[in-house]
């Protein structure tokens, strides 16, 4: 069995972190499953193989390991069930778990698993909460054995924490192969794996390259994007806030621990078909009194339109002197459509709004369904726009 030479680093490097990137047909999964199977030939190895969502490992992942076990001629050495692969000779094993629970509303408790020396995060781009990564990372601390954290991903946008942490902050160029600061980088493409790919697949790649070079660079070559594919908003620019001195109000979305509270000042210019946006708050973990004081310091008594799903918090803020009222949200689609009818102009300092506009994407464009992330400021803006444009009497002083 011949592995792409780029993956020799998996076997040879003493790094803690392995960042494995690449596009379609690059052989990432093949190489890693071979490596992990061979790794369990050593005693005392326990591998935790995860995805953010893993509904049925026995249907999606374990067949890949069964294939490699067969190719290596190890059928009689391993026991395989729905949740693990065990080396019968030395009891080294590979456990398969999802990070998100099947209920979908909380994180599984993985840090309590004992004896893990190698953690694999497959489809790592799906994990958008860096704190979850840190929690599991800090639990991988076995003595007298190399500890490995292996991230396998198809690159997404440069706003992702993986890019910022392992590339931007370390001064590492995308596509780098090598070692830096205890991190081993492996990047491969279909060009490194052509001997294992069908002619029909290679012809398909040629078609993609001809029709959309941007898609070829991202999906096939595994390049990082400045802006996500399928973004909802292409109608925005950076510029001066409210140059004509229109009356303004604000939109607010509530968070707390994981999601941030967001407050955006909004000016709607119907004649010019522009909505001006200025970010004031984008912060986690604020208590009601703290939040109220920041709001009053930032925007005083300006009208704030907020999420109607939080009546108790709205009542608390009102009691603390904030001029805030709820809006009936309607459908997400109706508010998004309203926002798409205008040019959105954001201030240079509104970095979190820019990040959201670059990364808020459709999950299904034809059905107008949206991925529920990168939308905290956008939701607050949407509430404001719905309130003023769908309620002419309420909005007559604010829409010029």
Protein backbone atom coordinates (compact mmCIF):
# COMPACT_ATOMS: atom_id res chain seq x y z
CA UNK A 1 0.00 0.00 0.00
CA UNK A 2 1.48 3.33 -1.10
CA UNK A 3 0.50 6.45 0.83
CA UNK A 4 1.03 9.94 -0.53
CA UNK A 5 4.45 11.01 0.76
CA UNK A 6 2.93 14.15 2.29
CA UNK A 7 1.28 11.93 4.89
CA UNK A 8 4.57 10.46 6.10
CA UNK A 9 4.58 13.36 8.55
CA UNK A 10 1.70 11.67 10.39
CA UNK A 11 4.05 8.80 11.21
CA UNK A 12 7.25 10.79 11.73
CA UNK A 13 6.33 14.06 13.43
CA UNK A 14 6.39 14.44 17.21
CA UNK A 15 3.98 17.41 17.04
CA UNK A 16 0.92 17.61 19.28
CA UNK A 17 -1.29 19.20 16.61
CA UNK A 18 -1.83 17.97 13.06
CA UNK A 19 -3.81 20.22 10.70
CA UNK A 20 -4.82 18.22 7.63
CA UNK A 21 -6.44 20.25 4.87
CA UNK A 22 -7.32 19.60 1.26
CA UNK A 23 -10.08 19.49 -1.29
CA UNK A 24 -12.15 16.75 -2.85
CA UNK A 25 -10.28 13.60 -3.86
CA UNK A 26 -7.14 14.54 -1.95
CA UNK A 27 -6.95 11.27 -0.01
CA UNK A 28 -7.18 12.83 3.47
CA UNK A 29 -9.61 10.29 4.90
CA UNK A 30 -7.79 7.32 3.38
CA UNK A 31 -4.43 8.36 4.81
CA UNK A 32 -5.75 9.12 8.29
CA UNK A 33 -7.71 5.88 8.63
CA UNK A 34 -4.64 3.87 7.55
CA UNK A 35 -2.51 5.79 10.06
CA UNK A 36 -4.95 5.26 12.93
CA UNK A 37 -5.31 1.56 12.16
CA UNK A 38 -1.52 1.15 12.24
CA UNK A 39 -1.25 3.34 15.33
CA UNK A 40 -3.34 0.86 17.30
CA UNK A 41 -0.73 -1.82 16.66
CA UNK A 42 1.19 -0.16 19.51
CA UNK A 43 0.18 -0.87 23.10
CA UNK A 44 -1.58 1.69 25.25
CA UNK A 45 -3.23 3.58 22.39
CA UNK A 46 -6.74 4.95 22.77
CA UNK A 47 -8.06 7.09 19.91
CA UNK A 48 -11.14 9.29 20.18
CA UNK A 49 -12.53 9.81 16.66
CA UNK A 50 -15.15 12.56 16.56
CA UNK A 51 -17.29 14.66 14.32
CA UNK A 52 -19.40 17.56 15.50
CA UNK A 53 -22.46 15.53 14.54
CA UNK A 54 -22.14 11.76 14.31
CA UNK A 55 -25.49 10.01 14.05
CA UNK A 56 -24.40 6.56 12.88
CA UNK A 57 -20.68 5.81 12.82
CA UNK A 58 -21.39 2.23 11.76
CA UNK A 59 -22.84 3.53 8.51
CA UNK A 60 -20.56 6.47 7.78
CA UNK A 61 -17.10 5.97 9.27
CA UNK A 62 -16.54 2.42 10.49
CA UNK A 63 -16.87 0.99 6.95
CA UNK A 64 -13.79 3.07 6.02
CA UNK A 65 -11.85 1.41 8.84
CA UNK A 66 -13.10 -2.03 7.85
CA UNK A 67 -11.81 -1.38 4.33
CA UNK A 68 -8.34 -0.39 5.60
CA UNK A 69 -8.23 -3.35 7.99
CA UNK A 70 -8.92 -5.59 4.99
CA UNK A 71 -6.33 -3.88 2.79
CA UNK A 72 -3.73 -4.33 5.54
CA UNK A 73 -4.68 -7.99 6.04
CA UNK A 74 -5.63 -7.42 9.68
CA UNK A 75 -9.13 -8.95 9.63
CA UNK A 76 -8.30 -11.45 12.39
CA UNK A 77 -6.67 -8.87 14.64
CA UNK A 78 -9.53 -6.43 15.12
CA UNK A 79 -12.99 -6.56 16.66
CA UNK A 80 -15.43 -4.02 15.26
CA UNK A 81 -18.83 -2.93 16.56
CA UNK A 82 -21.07 0.12 16.14
CA UNK A 83 -19.04 2.36 18.44
CA UNK A 84 -15.44 1.16 18.46
CA UNK A 85 -12.62 -0.72 16.77
CA UNK A 86 -10.49 -2.83 19.14
CA UNK A 87 -7.10 -4.43 18.52
CA UNK A 88 -7.57 -7.85 20.14
CA UNK A 89 -3.83 -8.36 20.54
CA UNK A 90 -3.14 -5.40 22.80
CA UNK A 91 -6.58 -3.82 23.51
CA UNK A 92 -5.64 -0.52 21.88
CA UNK A 93 -8.84 0.93 20.47
CA UNK A 94 -10.60 3.63 18.49
CA UNK A 95 -13.79 5.13 19.95
CA UNK A 96 -16.34 6.93 17.77
CA UNK A 97 -18.36 9.76 19.26
CA UNK A 98 -20.29 12.86 18.27
CA UNK A 99 -19.49 16.17 19.94
CA UNK A 100 -23.10 17.36 19.75
CA UNK A 101 -25.60 15.15 21.54
CA UNK A 102 -28.36 13.42 19.62
CA UNK A 103 -30.81 15.89 21.17
CA UNK A 104 -28.90 18.57 19.31
CA UNK A 105 -29.03 21.20 22.03
CA UNK A 106 -25.94 20.47 24.13
CA UNK A 107 -22.41 19.16 23.95
CA UNK A 108 -21.61 15.56 24.79
CA UNK A 109 -19.32 15.00 27.79
CA UNK A 110 -16.17 13.72 26.08
CA UNK A 111 -13.52 15.10 28.41
CA UNK A 112 -14.45 12.42 30.98
CA UNK A 113 -13.29 9.59 28.69
CA UNK A 114 -10.19 8.03 30.20
CA UNK A 115 -6.86 7.22 28.60
CA UNK A 116 -7.25 9.14 25.33
CA UNK A 117 -3.87 9.91 23.76
CA UNK A 118 -5.08 10.76 20.24
CA UNK A 119 -8.11 12.91 19.46
CA UNK A 120 -9.27 13.14 15.85
CA UNK A 121 -11.74 15.83 14.83
CA UNK A 122 -13.05 14.92 11.38
CA UNK A 123 -14.91 17.55 9.34
CA UNK A 124 -13.40 20.03 11.79
CA UNK A 125 -14.83 22.98 9.88
CA UNK A 126 -18.23 22.12 11.39
CA UNK A 127 -17.03 22.97 14.90
CA UNK A 128 -17.47 26.73 15.20
CA UNK A 129 -17.11 26.98 18.99
CA UNK A 130 -13.40 27.22 19.85
CA UNK A 131 -14.16 26.76 23.56
CA UNK A 132 -15.41 23.22 22.91
CA UNK A 133 -12.14 22.46 21.14
CA UNK A 134 -10.13 23.84 24.07
CA UNK A 135 -12.09 21.78 26.59
CA UNK A 136 -11.37 18.49 24.82
CA UNK A 137 -7.83 19.51 23.89
CA UNK A 138 -6.95 20.11 27.55
CA UNK A 139 -8.24 16.65 28.48
CA UNK A 140 -5.68 14.93 26.19
CA UNK A 141 -2.76 14.62 28.63
CA UNK A 142 -1.54 11.00 28.87
CA UNK A 143 1.97 10.60 30.29
CA UNK A 144 4.82 8.69 28.64
CA UNK A 145 3.15 8.61 25.22
CA UNK A 146 2.81 11.06 22.35
CA UNK A 147 -0.43 13.02 22.58
CA UNK A 148 -1.93 13.91 19.21
CA UNK A 149 -4.74 16.26 18.19
CA UNK A 150 -5.62 15.67 14.52
CA UNK A 151 -7.92 18.10 12.71
CA UNK A 152 -9.17 17.04 9.26
CA UNK A 153 -11.05 19.63 7.27
CA UNK A 154 -12.11 21.08 3.98
CA UNK A 155 -11.22 24.78 4.41
CA UNK A 156 -14.10 27.21 4.70
CA UNK A 157 -13.70 30.96 5.30
CA UNK A 158 -10.81 32.82 6.87
CA UNK A 159 -13.18 33.92 9.64
CA UNK A 160 -13.16 30.38 11.06
CA UNK A 161 -11.27 30.06 14.33
CA UNK A 162 -9.12 27.24 12.92
CA UNK A 163 -7.72 29.56 10.24
CA UNK A 164 -7.19 32.39 12.71
CA UNK A 165 -5.57 30.20 15.37
CA UNK A 166 -3.41 27.88 13.29
CA UNK A 167 -2.67 30.00 10.21
CA UNK A 168 -3.17 33.73 10.69
CA UNK A 169 -1.88 33.97 14.28
CA UNK A 170 1.16 31.82 13.48
CA UNK A 171 2.00 33.52 10.19
CA UNK A 172 1.47 30.28 8.26
CA UNK A 173 0.38 30.46 4.63
CA UNK A 174 -2.60 28.42 3.47
CA UNK A 175 -1.44 25.25 1.71
CA UNK A 176 1.76 25.01 3.79
CA UNK A 177 3.30 21.58 4.36
CA UNK A 178 5.68 21.46 7.29
CA UNK A 179 6.11 22.06 11.00
CA UNK A 180 5.80 25.20 13.13
CA UNK A 181 5.22 25.79 16.85
CA UNK A 182 4.28 22.19 17.70
CA UNK A 183 1.90 22.01 14.72
CA UNK A 184 2.36 19.69 11.75
CA UNK A 185 0.63 20.98 8.61
CA UNK A 186 -0.38 18.61 5.80
CA UNK A 187 -2.15 19.92 2.71
CA UNK A 188 -2.94 17.74 -0.30
CA UNK A 189 -5.10 17.94 -3.40
CA UNK A 190 -6.41 15.56 -6.04
CA UNK A 191 -3.19 16.25 -7.95
CA UNK A 192 -1.34 14.29 -5.25
CA UNK A 193 -3.79 11.40 -5.56
CA UNK A 194 -4.58 11.08 -9.27
CA UNK A 195 -3.51 7.43 -9.50
CA UNK A 196 -6.35 6.52 -7.12
CA UNK A 197 -9.08 8.53 -8.85
CA UNK A 198 -11.40 7.47 -11.64
CA UNK A 199 -11.26 9.08 -15.05
CA UNK A 200 -14.86 10.23 -14.69
CA UNK A 201 -13.97 12.05 -11.46
CA UNK A 202 -11.01 13.76 -13.15
CA UNK A 203 -13.24 14.80 -16.04
CA UNK A 204 -15.72 16.23 -13.56
CA UNK A 205 -12.94 18.31 -12.01
CA UNK A 206 -12.01 19.66 -15.44
CA UNK A 207 -15.61 20.76 -15.93
CA UNK A 208 -15.69 22.52 -12.55
CA UNK A 209 -12.40 24.27 -13.31
CA UNK A 210 -13.74 25.48 -16.64
CA UNK A 211 -17.13 26.65 -15.32
CA UNK A 212 -16.06 28.21 -12.00
CA UNK A 213 -12.40 28.70 -11.19
CA UNK A 214 -13.34 30.06 -7.75
CA UNK A 215 -15.20 26.84 -6.95
CA UNK A 216 -12.24 24.84 -8.29
CA UNK A 217 -9.83 26.71 -6.03
CA UNK A 218 -12.01 26.21 -2.96
CA UNK A 219 -13.75 22.84 -3.32
CA UNK A 220 -11.10 21.01 -5.33
CA UNK A 221 -7.80 22.61 -4.29
CA UNK A 222 -8.91 23.23 -0.71
CA UNK A 223 -8.33 26.97 -0.61
CA UNK A 224 -9.63 29.21 2.16
CA UNK A 225 -12.33 31.71 1.21
CA UNK A 226 -12.46 35.40 2.06
CA UNK A 227 -16.25 35.07 1.89
CA UNK A 228 -18.37 31.94 2.30
CA UNK A 229 -20.03 30.19 -0.63
CA UNK A 230 -23.76 30.81 -0.79
CA UNK A 231 -23.72 34.00 1.26
CA UNK A 232 -27.12 35.59 1.79
CA UNK A 233 -25.95 39.19 1.51
CA UNK A 234 -23.87 40.45 -1.40
CA UNK A 235 -25.42 43.92 -1.18
CA UNK A 236 -23.13 45.59 1.35
CA UNK A 237 -20.18 47.92 1.52
CA UNK A 238 -18.13 49.82 4.06
CA UNK A 239 -18.74 53.54 4.36
CA UNK A 240 -19.77 56.51 6.48
CA UNK A 241 -22.66 56.07 8.89
CA UNK A 242 -25.78 58.13 8.23
CA UNK A 243 -24.17 60.94 6.17
CA UNK A 244 -27.50 62.75 5.70
CA UNK A 245 -28.29 62.92 9.40
CA UNK A 246 -31.44 60.76 9.33
CA UNK A 247 -33.16 59.85 12.57
CA UNK A 248 -31.85 56.54 13.85
CA UNK A 249 -33.01 53.67 16.03
CA UNK A 250 -31.45 50.35 17.00
CA UNK A 251 -31.91 46.61 16.57
CA UNK A 252 -31.00 44.13 19.28
CA UNK A 253 -30.60 40.38 19.61
CA UNK A 254 -30.06 38.73 22.98
CA UNK A 255 -27.45 36.14 23.83
CA UNK A 256 -25.70 35.31 27.09
CA UNK A 257 -23.12 32.56 27.53
CA UNK A 258 -22.33 31.24 24.06
CA UNK A 259 -24.11 33.74 21.82
CA UNK A 260 -23.37 37.46 22.13
CA UNK A 261 -25.78 40.27 22.86
CA UNK A 262 -25.75 42.53 19.81
CA UNK A 263 -26.86 46.15 19.44
CA UNK A 264 -26.73 47.90 16.07
CA UNK A 265 -27.74 51.46 15.28
CA UNK A 266 -29.79 51.67 12.08
CA UNK A 267 -30.63 54.50 9.68
CA UNK A 268 -33.02 53.67 6.82
CA UNK A 269 -32.88 55.87 3.71
CA UNK A 270 -35.75 54.70 1.51
CA UNK A 271 -35.13 57.28 -1.21
CA UNK A 272 -31.54 56.14 -1.74
CA UNK A 273 -32.41 52.50 -0.94
CA UNK A 274 -29.69 52.35 1.70
CA UNK A 275 -29.59 51.06 5.25
CA UNK A 276 -26.72 52.42 7.35
CA UNK A 277 -25.44 50.22 10.18
CA UNK A 278 -23.20 50.95 13.16
CA UNK A 279 -22.16 48.26 15.63
CA UNK A 280 -22.35 49.25 19.31
CA UNK A 281 -22.45 45.98 21.28
CA UNK A 282 -21.32 42.46 20.38
CA UNK A 283 -20.42 40.74 23.63
CA UNK A 284 -21.10 37.57 25.62
CA UNK A 285 -22.06 37.07 29.24
CA UNK A 286 -23.56 40.45 30.12
CA UNK A 287 -25.99 40.58 33.02
CA UNK A 288 -29.10 42.75 32.73
CA UNK A 289 -27.71 45.68 34.73
CA UNK A 290 -24.39 45.62 32.84
CA UNK A 291 -26.20 45.44 29.51
CA UNK A 292 -28.55 48.29 30.40
CA UNK A 293 -25.69 50.56 31.45
CA UNK A 294 -23.74 49.90 28.24
CA UNK A 295 -26.86 50.54 26.13
CA UNK A 296 -27.53 53.85 27.89
CA UNK A 297 -23.88 54.87 27.52
CA UNK A 298 -23.83 53.99 23.81
CA UNK A 299 -27.21 55.14 22.49
CA UNK A 300 -29.02 56.87 25.34
CA UNK A 301 -32.78 56.95 24.80
CA UNK A 302 -32.80 55.88 21.16
CA UNK A 303 -35.58 53.42 20.37
CA UNK A 304 -34.42 49.80 20.39
CA UNK A 305 -36.35 47.04 18.62
CA UNK A 306 -35.61 43.64 20.11
CA UNK A 307 -36.46 39.95 20.01
CA UNK A 308 -40.03 39.39 21.24
CA UNK A 309 -39.04 35.93 22.50
CA UNK A 310 -37.40 37.52 25.58
CA UNK A 311 -40.24 39.44 27.31
CA UNK A 312 -38.73 39.15 30.79
CA UNK A 313 -35.38 40.59 29.71
CA UNK A 314 -37.12 43.39 27.80
CA UNK A 315 -39.12 44.20 30.94
CA UNK A 316 -35.93 44.24 33.03
CA UNK A 317 -34.20 46.60 30.60
CA UNK A 318 -37.24 48.88 30.51
CA UNK A 319 -37.20 49.01 34.31
CA UNK A 320 -33.54 50.04 34.13
CA UNK A 321 -34.38 52.96 31.83
CA UNK A 322 -33.79 51.51 28.36
CA UNK A 323 -36.19 52.60 25.58
CA UNK A 324 -36.87 49.14 24.18
CA UNK A 325 -39.83 47.35 22.67
CA UNK A 326 -40.42 43.92 21.10
CA UNK A 327 -41.25 43.18 17.50
CA UNK A 328 -43.28 40.35 16.06
CA UNK A 329 -40.53 38.64 14.12
CA UNK A 330 -42.49 37.10 11.26
CA UNK A 331 -40.55 34.71 9.06
CA UNK A 332 -36.80 34.98 8.74
CA UNK A 333 -37.26 35.06 4.97
CA UNK A 334 -39.46 38.17 5.04
CA UNK A 335 -36.93 40.15 7.05
CA UNK A 336 -34.00 38.95 4.96
CA UNK A 337 -35.84 39.87 1.76
CA UNK A 338 -36.44 43.37 3.11
CA UNK A 339 -32.74 43.76 3.87
CA UNK A 340 -31.76 42.45 0.44
CA UNK A 341 -33.84 45.21 -1.19
CA UNK A 342 -31.44 47.84 0.16
CA UNK A 343 -27.72 48.49 -0.01
CA UNK A 344 -26.29 47.87 3.45
CA UNK A 345 -23.56 50.34 4.45
CA UNK A 346 -21.54 49.47 7.56
CA UNK A 347 -18.91 51.51 9.36
CA UNK A 348 -15.26 50.38 9.23
CA UNK A 349 -15.40 49.65 12.96
CA UNK A 350 -18.36 47.25 12.61
CA UNK A 351 -16.11 44.22 12.29
CA UNK A 352 -18.54 41.68 13.72
CA UNK A 353 -21.30 42.76 11.34
CA UNK A 354 -18.83 42.39 8.45
CA UNK A 355 -17.88 38.92 9.69
CA UNK A 356 -21.53 37.88 9.78
CA UNK A 357 -22.29 39.28 6.33
CA UNK A 358 -19.32 37.34 4.96
CA UNK A 359 -20.42 34.08 6.57
CA UNK A 360 -24.23 34.02 6.84
CA UNK A 361 -25.21 31.44 4.24
CA UNK A 362 -28.13 29.51 2.83
CA UNK A 363 -28.54 25.89 3.84
CA UNK A 364 -30.98 25.57 0.93
CA UNK A 365 -31.21 28.58 -1.36
CA UNK A 366 -34.23 27.31 -3.30
CA UNK A 367 -36.27 26.85 -0.11
CA UNK A 368 -34.94 30.05 1.48
CA UNK A 369 -33.50 28.18 4.46
CA UNK A 370 -30.55 29.63 6.35
CA UNK A 371 -27.74 28.19 8.46
CA UNK A 372 -28.30 29.27 12.07
CA UNK A 373 -24.91 30.84 12.74
CA UNK A 374 -23.16 34.14 12.05
CA UNK A 375 -26.51 35.87 12.54
CA UNK A 376 -26.59 37.59 15.93
CA UNK A 377 -26.19 41.16 14.69
CA UNK A 378 -28.12 40.30 11.52
CA UNK A 379 -31.10 39.16 13.59
CA UNK A 380 -31.17 42.43 15.53
CA UNK A 381 -30.96 44.44 12.31
CA UNK A 382 -33.73 42.31 10.85
CA UNK A 383 -36.03 43.07 13.80
CA UNK A 384 -35.47 46.79 13.31
CA UNK A 385 -36.07 46.68 9.57
CA UNK A 386 -39.26 44.62 9.95
CA UNK A 387 -40.60 46.98 12.61
CA UNK A 388 -40.08 50.11 10.54
CA UNK A 389 -40.79 48.91 7.00
CA UNK A 390 -43.69 46.57 7.76
CA UNK A 391 -45.30 48.98 10.21
CA UNK A 392 -45.58 52.36 8.43
CA UNK A 393 -47.13 54.23 11.34
CA UNK A 394 -44.41 53.09 13.74
CA UNK A 395 -41.68 53.71 11.22
CA UNK A 396 -42.74 57.03 9.70
CA UNK A 397 -40.28 59.08 11.76
CA UNK A 398 -37.37 56.77 11.03
CA UNK A 399 -37.75 55.93 7.33
CA UNK A 400 -36.85 58.88 5.13
